[in-house]
PDB file of N, CA and C in Angstrom:
ATOM      1  N   GLY A   1      -5.159  12.598   6.692  1.00  0.00           N
ATOM      2  CA  GLY A   1      -5.858  13.406   7.627  1.00  0.00           C
ATOM      3  C   GLY A   1      -5.199  14.772   7.787  1.00  0.00           C
ATOM      4  N   TRP A   2      -5.709  15.505   8.711  1.00  0.00           N
ATOM      5  CA  TRP A   2      -5.228  16.870   8.912  1.00  0.00           C
ATOM      6  C   TRP A   2      -4.150  16.969   9.972  1.00  0.00           C
ATOM      7  N   HIS A   3      -3.788  15.844  10.598  1.00  0.00           N
ATOM      8  CA  HIS A   3      -2.737  15.871  11.608  1.00  0.00           C
ATOM      9  C   HIS A   3      -1.355  15.929  10.963  1.00  0.00           C
ATOM     10  N   ALA A   4      -0.423  16.500  11.685  1.00  0.00           N
ATOM     11  CA  ALA A   4       0.958  16.593  11.205  1.00  0.00           C
ATOM     12  C   ALA A   4       1.600  15.210  11.179  1.00  0.00           C
ATOM     13  N   PRO A   5       2.586  15.002  10.314  1.00  0.00           N
ATOM     14  CA  PRO A   5       3.299  13.719  10.313  1.00  0.00           C
ATOM     15  C   PRO A   5       4.018  13.496  11.640  1.00  0.00           C
ATOM     16  N   TRP A   6       4.463  12.269  11.888  1.00  0.00           N
ATOM     17  CA  TRP A   6       4.969  11.859  13.193  1.00  0.00           C
ATOM     18  C   TRP A   6       6.073  12.732  13.773  1.00  0.00           C
ATOM     19  N   PRO A   7       7.190  12.946  13.104  1.00  0.00           N
ATOM     20  CA  PRO A   7       8.210  13.704  13.842  1.00  0.00           C
ATOM     21  C   PRO A   7       7.792  15.141  14.131  1.00  0.00           C
ATOM     22  N   ILE A   8       6.977  15.707  13.265  1.00  0.00           N
ATOM     23  CA  ILE A   8       6.558  17.097  13.452  1.00  0.00           C
ATOM     24  C   ILE A   8       5.428  17.183  14.479  1.00  0.00           C
ATOM     25  N   SER A   9       4.645  16.115  14.620  1.00  0.00           N
ATOM     26  CA  SER A   9       3.512  16.152  15.555  1.00  0.00           C
ATOM     27  C   SER A   9       3.956  16.189  17.013  1.00  0.00           C
ATOM     28  N   LEU A  10       5.231  15.950  17.275  1.00  0.00           N
ATOM     29  CA  LEU A  10       5.726  16.055  18.645  1.00  0.00           C
ATOM     30  C   LEU A  10       5.764  17.505  19.118  1.00  0.00           C
ATOM     31  N   TRP A  11       5.834  18.431  18.176  1.00  0.00           N
ATOM     32  CA  TRP A  11       5.785  19.863  18.499  1.00  0.00           C
ATOM     33  C   TRP A  11       4.350  20.223  18.871  1.00  0.00           C
ATOM     34  N   ASP A  12       4.167  20.976  19.942  1.00  0.00           N
ATOM     35  CA  ASP A  12       2.830  21.278  20.458  1.00  0.00           C
ATOM     36  C   ASP A  12       1.963  22.080  19.498  1.00  0.00           C
ATOM     37  N   GLY A  13       2.541  23.002  18.736  1.00  0.00           N
ATOM     38  CA  GLY A  13       1.746  23.863  17.862  1.00  0.00           C
ATOM     39  C   GLY A  13       1.569  23.328  16.457  1.00  0.00           C
ATOM     40  N   ALA A  14       1.906  22.057  16.213  1.00  0.00           N
ATOM     41  CA  ALA A  14       1.858  21.515  14.857  1.00  0.00           C
ATOM     42  C   ALA A  14       0.442  21.298  14.353  1.00  0.00           C
ATOM     43  N   ASN A  15      -0.524  21.167  15.251  1.00  0.00           N
ATOM     44  CA  ASN A  15      -1.901  20.894  14.838  1.00  0.00           C
ATOM     45  C   ASN A  15      -2.859  21.999  15.268  1.00  0.00           C
ATOM     46  N   SER A  16      -2.397  23.239  15.225  1.00  0.00           N
ATOM     47  CA  SER A  16      -3.261  24.352  15.589  1.00  0.00           C
ATOM     48  C   SER A  16      -3.104  25.466  14.566  1.00  0.00           C
ATOM     49  N   GLY A  17      -4.111  26.298  14.498  1.00  0.00           N
ATOM     50  CA  GLY A  17      -4.077  27.421  13.558  1.00  0.00           C
ATOM     51  C   GLY A  17      -4.274  26.954  12.118  1.00  0.00           C
ATOM     52  N   TRP A  18      -3.435  27.454  11.227  1.00  0.00           N
ATOM     53  CA  TRP A  18      -3.522  27.104   9.808  1.00  0.00           C
ATOM     54  C   TRP A  18      -2.809  25.798   9.478  1.00  0.00           C
ATOM     55  N   PHE A  19      -2.053  25.273  10.409  1.00  0.00           N
ATOM     56  CA  PHE A  19      -1.262  24.080  10.121  1.00  0.00           C
ATOM     57  C   PHE A  19      -2.088  22.861   9.692  1.00  0.00           C
ATOM     58  N   PRO A  20      -3.264  22.583  10.296  1.00  0.00           N
ATOM     59  CA  PRO A  20      -4.032  21.426   9.813  1.00  0.00           C
ATOM     60  C   PRO A  20      -4.407  21.529   8.339  1.00  0.00           C
ATOM     61  N   LEU A  21      -4.777  22.720   7.891  1.00  0.00           N
ATOM     62  CA  LEU A  21      -5.089  22.909   6.474  1.00  0.00           C
ATOM     63  C   LEU A  21      -3.856  22.696   5.614  1.00  0.00           C
ATOM     64  N   ILE A  22      -2.723  23.190   6.070  1.00  0.00           N
ATOM     65  CA  ILE A  22      -1.465  23.014   5.326  1.00  0.00           C
ATOM     66  C   ILE A  22      -1.097  21.536   5.259  1.00  0.00           C
ATOM     67  N   TRP A  23      -1.231  20.803   6.377  1.00  0.00           N
ATOM     68  CA  TRP A  23      -0.896  19.370   6.360  1.00  0.00           C
ATOM     69  C   TRP A  23      -1.812  18.614   5.415  1.00  0.00           C
ATOM     70  N   PHE A  24      -3.114  18.923   5.454  1.00  0.00           N
ATOM     71  CA  PHE A  24      -4.064  18.239   4.590  1.00  0.00           C
ATOM     72  C   PHE A  24      -3.754  18.481   3.122  1.00  0.00           C
ATOM     73  N   VAL A  25      -3.520  19.737   2.753  1.00  0.00           N
ATOM     74  CA  VAL A  25      -3.218  20.070   1.357  1.00  0.00           C
ATOM     75  C   VAL A  25      -1.901  19.424   0.931  1.00  0.00           C
ATOM     76  N   ALA A  26      -0.909  19.428   1.797  1.00  0.00           N
ATOM     77  CA  ALA A  26       0.379  18.806   1.465  1.00  0.00           C
ATOM     78  C   ALA A  26       0.225  17.299   1.263  1.00  0.00           C
ATOM     79  N   LYS A  27      -0.565  16.654   2.087  1.00  0.00           N
ATOM     80  CA  LYS A  27      -0.773  15.214   1.938  1.00  0.00           C
ATOM     81  C   LYS A  27      -1.549  14.896   0.659  1.00  0.00           C
ATOM     82  N   VAL A  28      -2.543  15.696   0.334  1.00  0.00           N
ATOM     83  CA  VAL A  28      -3.293  15.475  -0.907  1.00  0.00           C
ATOM     84  C   VAL A  28      -2.384  15.658  -2.112  1.00  0.00           C
ATOM     85  N   TRP A  29      -1.573  16.717  -2.115  1.00  0.00           N
ATOM     86  CA  TRP A  29      -0.645  16.945  -3.224  1.00  0.00           C
ATOM     87  C   TRP A  29       0.377  15.814  -3.321  1.00  0.00           C
ATOM     88  N   GLY A  30       0.862  15.348  -2.184  1.00  0.00           N
ATOM     89  CA  GLY A  30       1.810  14.233  -2.194  1.00  0.00           C
ATOM     90  C   GLY A  30       1.182  12.972  -2.763  1.00  0.00           C
ATOM     91  N   PHE A  31      -0.062  12.673  -2.352  1.00  0.00           N
ATOM     92  CA  PHE A  31      -0.749  11.508  -2.893  1.00  0.00           C
ATOM     93  C   PHE A  31      -0.973  11.650  -4.388  1.00  0.00           C
ATOM     94  N   LEU A  32      -1.415  12.816  -4.845  1.00  0.00           N
ATOM     95  CA  LEU A  32      -1.639  13.025  -6.277  1.00  0.00           C
ATOM     96  C   LEU A  32      -0.342  12.902  -7.064  1.00  0.00           C
ATOM     97  N   PHE A  33       0.743  13.467  -6.530  1.00  0.00           N
ATOM     98  CA  PHE A  33       2.025  13.346  -7.206  1.00  0.00           C
ATOM     99  C   PHE A  33       2.433  11.891  -7.335  1.00  0.00           C
ATOM    100  N   PHE A  34       2.326  11.134  -6.228  1.00  0.00           N
ATOM    101  CA  PHE A  34       2.701   9.723  -6.251  1.00  0.00           C
ATOM    102  C   PHE A  34       1.817   8.932  -7.204  1.00  0.00           C
ATOM    103  N   PHE A  35       0.497   9.177  -7.185  1.00  0.00           N
ATOM    104  CA  PHE A  35      -0.429   8.463  -8.050  1.00  0.00           C
ATOM    105  C   PHE A  35      -0.157   8.756  -9.521  1.00  0.00           C
ATOM    106  N   ILE A  36       0.033  10.022  -9.869  1.00  0.00           N
ATOM    107  CA  ILE A  36       0.296  10.377 -11.261  1.00  0.00           C
ATOM    108  C   ILE A  36       1.651   9.849 -11.700  1.00  0.00           C
ATOM    109  N   TRP A  37       2.652   9.936 -10.836  1.00  0.00           N
ATOM    110  CA  TRP A  37       3.968   9.412 -11.159  1.00  0.00           C
ATOM    111  C   TRP A  37       3.913   7.902 -11.399  1.00  0.00           C
ATOM    112  N   LEU A  38       3.228   7.180 -10.537  1.00  0.00           N
ATOM    113  CA  LEU A  38       3.112   5.735 -10.686  1.00  0.00           C
ATOM    114  C   LEU A  38       2.342   5.378 -11.950  1.00  0.00           C
ATOM    115  N   ARG A  39       1.287   6.096 -12.221  1.00  0.00           N
ATOM    116  CA  ARG A  39       0.449   5.823 -13.399  1.00  0.00           C
ATOM    117  C   ARG A  39       1.222   6.058 -14.691  1.00  0.00           C
ATOM    118  N   THR A  40       2.070   7.068 -14.729  1.00  0.00           N
ATOM    119  CA  THR A  40       2.780   7.371 -15.969  1.00  0.00           C
ATOM    120  C   THR A  40       4.024   6.511 -16.165  1.00  0.00           C
ATOM    121  N   THR A  41       4.586   5.938 -15.099  1.00  0.00           N
ATOM    122  CA  THR A  41       5.813   5.164 -15.263  1.00  0.00           C
ATOM    123  C   THR A  41       5.555   3.682 -15.497  1.00  0.00           C
ATOM    124  N   LEU A  42       4.428   3.152 -14.999  1.00  0.00           N
ATOM    125  CA  LEU A  42       4.164   1.736 -15.196  1.00  0.00           C
ATOM    126  C   LEU A  42       3.573   1.492 -16.581  1.00  0.00           C
ATOM    127  N   PRO A  43       3.895   0.346 -17.189  1.00  0.00           N
ATOM    128  CA  PRO A  43       3.329   0.065 -18.507  1.00  0.00           C
ATOM    129  C   PRO A  43       1.835  -0.239 -18.408  1.00  0.00           C
ATOM    130  N   ARG A  44       1.142   0.059 -19.492  1.00  0.00           N
ATOM    131  CA  ARG A  44      -0.283  -0.231 -19.539  1.00  0.00           C
ATOM    132  C   ARG A  44      -0.477  -1.658 -20.009  1.00  0.00           C
ATOM    133  N   LEU A  45      -1.310  -2.397 -19.305  1.00  0.00           N
ATOM    134  CA  LEU A  45      -1.573  -3.782 -19.647  1.00  0.00           C
ATOM    135  C   LEU A  45      -3.008  -3.929 -20.145  1.00  0.00           C
ATOM    136  N   ARG A  46      -3.166  -4.820 -21.116  1.00  0.00           N
ATOM    137  CA  ARG A  46      -4.501  -5.094 -21.628  1.00  0.00           C
ATOM    138  C   ARG A  46      -5.223  -6.047 -20.670  1.00  0.00           C
ATOM    139  N   TYR A  47      -6.536  -6.180 -20.882  1.00  0.00           N
ATOM    140  CA  TYR A  47      -7.352  -7.031 -20.015  1.00  0.00           C
ATOM    141  C   TYR A  47      -6.891  -8.484 -20.081  1.00  0.00           C
ATOM    142  N   ASP A  48      -6.573  -8.972 -21.276  1.00  0.00           N
ATOM    143  CA  ASP A  48      -6.140 -10.365 -21.398  1.00  0.00           C
ATOM    144  C   ASP A  48      -4.789 -10.593 -20.711  1.00  0.00           C
ATOM    145  N   GLN A  49      -3.941  -9.572 -20.650  1.00  0.00           N
ATOM    146  CA  GLN A  49      -2.673  -9.717 -19.946  1.00  0.00           C
ATOM    147  C   GLN A  49      -2.895  -9.801 -18.433  1.00  0.00           C
ATOM    148  N   PHE A  50      -3.839  -9.026 -17.924  1.00  0.00           N
ATOM    149  CA  PHE A  50      -4.178  -9.123 -16.507  1.00  0.00           C
ATOM    150  C   PHE A  50      -4.760 -10.489 -16.177  1.00  0.00           C
ATOM    151  N   MET A  51      -5.618 -11.007 -17.061  1.00  0.00           N
ATOM    152  CA  MET A  51      -6.210 -12.321 -16.818  1.00  0.00           C
ATOM    153  C   MET A  51      -5.147 -13.411 -16.850  1.00  0.00           C
ATOM    154  N   ALA A  52      -4.217 -13.330 -17.785  1.00  0.00           N
ATOM    155  CA  ALA A  52      -3.134 -14.316 -17.845  1.00  0.00           C
ATOM    156  C   ALA A  52      -2.262 -14.238 -16.593  1.00  0.00           C
ATOM    157  N   LEU A  53      -2.000 -13.042 -16.127  1.00  0.00           N
ATOM    158  CA  LEU A  53      -1.225 -12.878 -14.889  1.00  0.00           C
ATOM    159  C   LEU A  53      -1.944 -13.550 -13.723  1.00  0.00           C
ATOM    160  N   GLY A  54      -3.242 -13.337 -13.630  1.00  0.00           N
ATOM    161  CA  GLY A  54      -4.003 -13.924 -12.537  1.00  0.00           C
ATOM    162  C   GLY A  54      -4.056 -15.434 -12.601  1.00  0.00           C
ATOM    163  N   TRP A  55      -4.384 -15.992 -13.764  1.00  0.00           N
ATOM    164  CA  TRP A  55      -4.560 -17.437 -13.888  1.00  0.00           C
ATOM    165  C   TRP A  55      -3.244 -18.190 -13.887  1.00  0.00           C
ATOM    166  N   LYS A  56      -2.221 -17.646 -14.508  1.00  0.00           N
ATOM    167  CA  LYS A  56      -0.967 -18.384 -14.662  1.00  0.00           C
ATOM    168  C   LYS A  56       0.023 -18.146 -13.531  1.00  0.00           C
ATOM    169  N   ILE A  57      -0.080 -17.025 -12.850  1.00  0.00           N
ATOM    170  CA  ILE A  57       0.925 -16.694 -11.823  1.00  0.00           C
ATOM    171  C   ILE A  57       0.298 -16.533 -10.448  1.00  0.00           C
ATOM    172  N   LEU A  58      -0.683 -15.652 -10.304  1.00  0.00           N
ATOM    173  CA  LEU A  58      -1.176 -15.302  -8.973  1.00  0.00           C
ATOM    174  C   LEU A  58      -1.936 -16.438  -8.294  1.00  0.00           C
ATOM    175  N   ILE A  59      -2.782 -17.165  -9.026  1.00  0.00           N
ATOM    176  CA  ILE A  59      -3.533 -18.260  -8.412  1.00  0.00           C
ATOM    177  C   ILE A  59      -2.609 -19.400  -7.995  1.00  0.00           C
ATOM    178  N   PRO A  60      -1.680 -19.873  -8.845  1.00  0.00           N
ATOM    179  CA  PRO A  60      -0.765 -20.922  -8.369  1.00  0.00           C
ATOM    180  C   PRO A  60       0.114 -20.480  -7.199  1.00  0.00           C
ATOM    181  N   VAL A  61       0.580 -19.245  -7.232  1.00  0.00           N
ATOM    182  CA  VAL A  61       1.406 -18.754  -6.118  1.00  0.00           C
ATOM    183  C   VAL A  61       0.589 -18.699  -4.834  1.00  0.00           C
ATOM    184  N   SER A  62      -0.650 -18.243  -4.912  1.00  0.00           N
ATOM    185  CA  SER A  62      -1.476 -18.166  -3.706  1.00  0.00           C
ATOM    186  C   SER A  62      -1.808 -19.557  -3.173  1.00  0.00           C
ATOM    187  N   LEU A  63      -2.065 -20.523  -4.054  1.00  0.00           N
ATOM    188  CA  LEU A  63      -2.322 -21.885  -3.594  1.00  0.00           C
ATOM    189  C   LEU A  63      -1.083 -22.483  -2.939  1.00  0.00           C
ATOM    190  N   ALA A  64       0.073 -22.250  -3.523  1.00  0.00           N
ATOM    191  CA  ALA A  64       1.322 -22.735  -2.924  1.00  0.00           C
ATOM    192  C   ALA A  64       1.550 -22.067  -1.568  1.00  0.00           C
ATOM    193  N   TRP A  65       1.251 -20.774  -1.465  1.00  0.00           N
ATOM    194  CA  TRP A  65       1.430 -20.069  -0.202  1.00  0.00           C
ATOM    195  C   TRP A  65       0.493 -20.624   0.880  1.00  0.00           C
ATOM    196  N   VAL A  66      -0.749 -20.942   0.506  1.00  0.00           N
ATOM    197  CA  VAL A  66      -1.687 -21.530   1.465  1.00  0.00           C
ATOM    198  C   VAL A  66      -1.148 -22.866   1.955  1.00  0.00           C
ATOM    199  N   MET A  67      -0.592 -23.670   1.061  1.00  0.00           N
ATOM    200  CA  MET A  67      -0.029 -24.960   1.460  1.00  0.00           C
ATOM    201  C   MET A  67       1.180 -24.777   2.380  1.00  0.00           C
ATOM    202  N   VAL A  68       2.025 -23.807   2.093  1.00  0.00           N
ATOM    203  CA  VAL A  68       3.197 -23.551   2.940  1.00  0.00           C
ATOM    204  C   VAL A  68       2.756 -23.113   4.331  1.00  0.00           C
ATOM    205  N   VAL A  69       1.814 -22.210   4.405  1.00  0.00           N
ATOM    206  CA  VAL A  69       1.342 -21.726   5.706  1.00  0.00           C
ATOM    207  C   VAL A  69       0.676 -22.853   6.485  1.00  0.00           C
ATOM    208  N   ALA A  70      -0.131 -23.668   5.817  1.00  0.00           N
ATOM    209  CA  ALA A  70      -0.783 -24.790   6.495  1.00  0.00           C
ATOM    210  C   ALA A  70       0.249 -25.781   7.016  1.00  0.00           C
ATOM    211  N   THR A  71       1.289 -26.057   6.232  1.00  0.00           N
ATOM    212  CA  THR A  71       2.336 -26.981   6.667  1.00  0.00           C
ATOM    213  C   THR A  71       3.098 -26.421   7.863  1.00  0.00           C
ATOM    214  N   VAL A  72       3.459 -25.164   7.799  1.00  0.00           N
ATOM    215  CA  VAL A  72       4.199 -24.550   8.903  1.00  0.00           C
ATOM    216  C   VAL A  72       3.359 -24.542  10.175  1.00  0.00           C
ATOM    217  N   ARG A  73       2.087 -24.216  10.046  1.00  0.00           N
ATOM    218  CA  ARG A  73       1.216 -24.196  11.245  1.00  0.00           C
ATOM    219  C   ARG A  73       1.030 -25.591  11.807  1.00  0.00           C
ATOM    220  N   ALA A  74       0.876 -26.593  10.925  1.00  0.00           N
ATOM    221  CA  ALA A  74       0.703 -27.969  11.400  1.00  0.00           C
ATOM    222  C   ALA A  74       1.970 -28.437  12.114  1.00  0.00           C
ATOM    223  N   LEU A  75       3.140 -28.131  11.554  1.00  0.00           N
ATOM    224  CA  LEU A  75       4.382 -28.523  12.203  1.00  0.00           C
ATOM    225  C   LEU A  75       4.584 -27.784  13.529  1.00  0.00           C
ATOM    226  N   HIS A  76       4.170 -26.523  13.558  1.00  0.00           N
ATOM    227  CA  HIS A  76       4.291 -25.736  14.790  1.00  0.00           C
ATOM    228  C   HIS A  76       3.352 -26.266  15.867  1.00  0.00           C
ATOM    229  N   ASN A  77       2.149 -26.661  15.500  1.00  0.00           N
ATOM    230  CA  ASN A  77       1.190 -27.183  16.481  1.00  0.00           C
ATOM    231  C   ASN A  77       1.598 -28.550  17.008  1.00  0.00           C
ATOM    232  N   GLU A  78       2.240 -29.343  16.182  1.00  0.00           N
ATOM    233  CA  GLU A  78       2.680 -30.676  16.604  1.00  0.00           C
ATOM    234  C   GLU A  78       3.927 -30.621  17.480  1.00  0.00           C
ATOM    235  N   GLY A  79       4.624 -29.527  17.408  1.00  0.00           N
ATOM    236  CA  GLY A  79       5.809 -29.383  18.256  1.00  0.00           C
ATOM    237  C   GLY A  79       7.035 -29.531  17.422  1.00  0.00           C
TER     238      GLY A  79
END
């Protein structure tokens, strides 16, 4: 958004005049820098590698996590 970041927003004049435009442009540039940096540093994966990750790792981990949460909640409800 166009609002100043938290520590700077405590100053009364941080969101008046040209500052909202400056904050917006700075945030967009920061997001673009982070996105491009992340895109260029991470390895590119093929579709079959993503599918293997999902079927072999993410689905079993999520099922195990659901079981852990259900067990903890059941034990918490029972006392």
